[in-house]
Amino acid sequence: GTKADVWSAGVILYAMLFRSLPFGEDLLRCPRYQAFQKWYNDARQLQPPPNGKRNRRAFPDVTLDPNYDEFDEEEMLGPHWFFPSEISAPGRDLIVAMLNPNPHDRLSIEMVLHHPWLMAMKGTNQQVPMPRMSGLCISGT
């Protein structure tokens, strides 16, 4: 279903940004996935400071909030070992939410499209230049 599509898109986004896959092929035997799943389940149980905010990992709709506080930075945006290089808080938030191990709580496609990380890119209206295709051989021509 569409929640599986969001998972797949999260894996592809991770691979595009970091040039590696987030997990091994067999999730049930992948120590990295098992550690990520444990982190996610533990993060869902954490109580944010009493400032009226809700836990980003327990309530998927909170992922659409573009404001990240210290609690979010420290506890909600993925385990620090999960990201091999620097990425913004909204980028980490989107990837972690797309890779939610529980498909029932995973973002919908509509939520992904309205996530602050994508909305910021949409707002800049920047065109990504296409790479030159010199030396490209198209078979049959």
Protein backbone atom coordinates (compact mmCIF):
# COMPACT_ATOMS: atom_id res chain seq x y z
CA GLY A 1 0.00 0.00 0.00
CA THR A 2 0.93 3.64 0.13
CA LYS A 3 2.61 3.32 3.54
CA ALA A 4 5.01 0.79 1.98
CA ASP A 5 5.62 3.31 -0.83
CA VAL A 6 6.55 5.94 1.78
CA TRP A 7 9.00 3.44 3.35
CA SER A 8 10.54 2.72 -0.07
CA ALA A 9 10.80 6.42 -0.87
CA GLY A 10 12.50 6.96 2.50
CA VAL A 11 15.07 4.27 1.68
CA ILE A 12 15.67 5.85 -1.74
CA LEU A 13 15.95 9.37 -0.26
CA TYR A 14 18.48 8.11 2.29
CA ALA A 15 20.45 6.36 -0.47
CA MET A 16 20.44 9.47 -2.68
CA LEU A 17 21.66 11.72 0.12
CA PHE A 18 24.22 9.40 1.72
CA ARG A 19 25.23 7.00 -1.09
CA SER A 20 24.39 3.96 1.00
CA LEU A 21 21.29 2.10 2.10
CA PRO A 22 19.97 2.73 5.61
CA PHE A 23 19.57 -0.98 6.38
CA GLY A 24 20.65 -4.40 5.16
CA GLU A 25 18.56 -6.48 2.79
CA ASP A 26 17.00 -8.77 5.43
CA LEU A 27 15.45 -6.44 8.02
CA LEU A 28 14.72 -9.23 10.49
CA ARG A 29 18.44 -10.09 10.65
CA CYS A 30 19.87 -6.59 10.22
CA PRO A 31 21.45 -5.32 13.47
CA ARG A 32 21.29 -1.74 12.17
CA TYR A 33 17.54 -2.00 11.57
CA GLN A 34 17.00 -3.67 14.94
CA ALA A 35 18.89 -0.85 16.68
CA PHE A 36 16.91 1.77 14.70
CA GLN A 37 13.62 0.06 15.59
CA LYS A 38 14.58 -0.01 19.28
CA TRP A 39 15.55 3.69 19.13
CA TYR A 40 12.22 4.53 17.44
CA ASN A 41 10.16 2.62 19.98
CA ASP A 42 12.09 4.22 22.87
CA ALA A 43 11.73 7.70 21.32
CA ARG A 44 7.95 7.24 21.04
CA GLN A 45 7.78 6.79 24.83
CA LEU A 46 9.70 9.98 25.71
CA GLN A 47 7.81 12.90 27.16
CA PRO A 48 8.70 16.30 25.72
CA PRO A 49 9.34 19.17 28.13
CA PRO A 50 6.11 20.77 29.36
CA ASN A 51 5.93 23.42 26.63
CA GLY A 52 2.77 22.17 24.95
CA LYS A 53 4.58 20.31 22.18
CA ARG A 54 3.86 16.70 21.36
CA ASN A 55 6.34 13.94 20.62
CA ARG A 56 7.26 13.89 16.90
CA ARG A 57 7.73 10.13 16.89
CA ALA A 58 4.46 9.35 18.70
CA PHE A 59 2.26 11.72 16.66
CA PRO A 60 3.06 11.74 12.92
CA ASP A 61 1.16 15.00 12.30
CA VAL A 62 3.68 16.84 14.53
CA THR A 63 6.25 16.09 11.83
CA LEU A 64 4.65 18.92 9.83
CA ASP A 65 5.65 21.47 12.52
CA PRO A 66 8.68 23.35 11.10
CA ASN A 67 9.90 24.39 14.56
CA TYR A 68 12.61 22.20 16.09
CA ASP A 69 13.58 22.73 19.72
CA GLU A 70 16.40 21.26 21.78
CA PHE A 71 14.32 18.22 22.72
CA ASP A 72 13.68 17.52 19.02
CA GLU A 73 17.36 17.94 18.16
CA GLU A 74 18.54 15.69 21.00
CA GLU A 75 15.88 12.98 21.03
CA MET A 76 13.52 12.99 18.04
CA LEU A 77 15.58 13.31 14.87
CA GLY A 78 17.14 9.87 14.76
CA PRO A 79 20.01 8.23 16.54
CA HIS A 80 23.24 10.11 15.86
CA TRP A 81 24.90 6.99 14.39
CA PHE A 82 22.15 6.68 11.74
CA PHE A 83 23.22 9.60 9.56
CA PRO A 84 26.72 9.32 8.06
CA SER A 85 27.07 13.06 7.35
CA GLU A 86 25.53 16.40 8.13
CA ILE A 87 21.91 16.97 7.20
CA SER A 88 19.49 19.62 8.43
CA ALA A 89 17.01 18.96 11.24
CA PRO A 90 14.06 18.96 8.81
CA GLY A 91 15.89 16.50 6.53
CA ARG A 92 16.60 14.12 9.41
CA ASP A 93 13.02 14.46 10.63
CA LEU A 94 11.58 13.57 7.22
CA ILE A 95 13.79 10.52 6.71
CA VAL A 96 13.19 9.18 10.22
CA ALA A 97 9.42 9.67 9.85
CA MET A 98 9.37 7.95 6.45
CA LEU A 99 11.30 5.01 7.90
CA ASN A 100 8.96 4.60 10.89
CA PRO A 101 9.01 0.84 11.55
CA ASN A 102 5.27 0.88 12.33
CA PRO A 103 3.42 1.30 9.01
CA HIS A 104 0.19 2.38 10.77
CA ASP A 105 2.00 5.42 12.24
CA ARG A 106 4.16 6.17 9.19
CA LEU A 107 3.58 9.40 7.28
CA SER A 108 1.12 9.37 4.41
CA ILE A 109 2.29 10.47 0.98
CA GLU A 110 0.35 13.72 1.45
CA MET A 111 2.16 14.38 4.73
CA VAL A 112 5.53 13.75 3.07
CA LEU A 113 4.67 16.25 0.35
CA HIS A 114 3.78 18.87 2.99
CA HIS A 115 6.81 18.23 5.21
CA PRO A 116 8.84 21.40 6.03
CA TRP A 117 11.98 20.04 4.31
CA LEU A 118 10.18 19.67 0.96
CA MET A 119 8.13 22.84 1.42
CA ALA A 120 11.33 24.84 1.97
CA MET A 121 12.71 23.55 -1.32
CA LYS A 122 9.45 24.30 -3.05
CA GLY A 123 9.48 27.81 -1.59
CA THR A 124 12.94 28.57 -2.92
CA ASN A 125 11.71 27.63 -6.39
CA GLN A 126 15.23 26.57 -7.29
CA GLN A 127 15.75 24.54 -10.40
CA VAL A 128 18.22 21.71 -9.99
CA PRO A 129 20.49 21.73 -13.05
CA MET A 130 20.52 18.53 -15.06
CA PRO A 131 23.94 16.90 -15.37
CA ARG A 132 25.49 16.93 -18.83
CA MET A 133 25.07 13.65 -20.61
CA SER A 134 28.19 13.80 -22.79
CA GLY A 135 29.35 10.44 -24.03
CA LEU A 136 25.92 8.90 -23.52
CA CYS A 137 25.32 5.99 -25.86
CA ILE A 138 21.73 5.15 -26.57
CA SER A 139 21.36 1.69 -28.05
CA GLY A 140 19.60 1.36 -31.36
CA THR A 141 20.78 4.74 -32.69
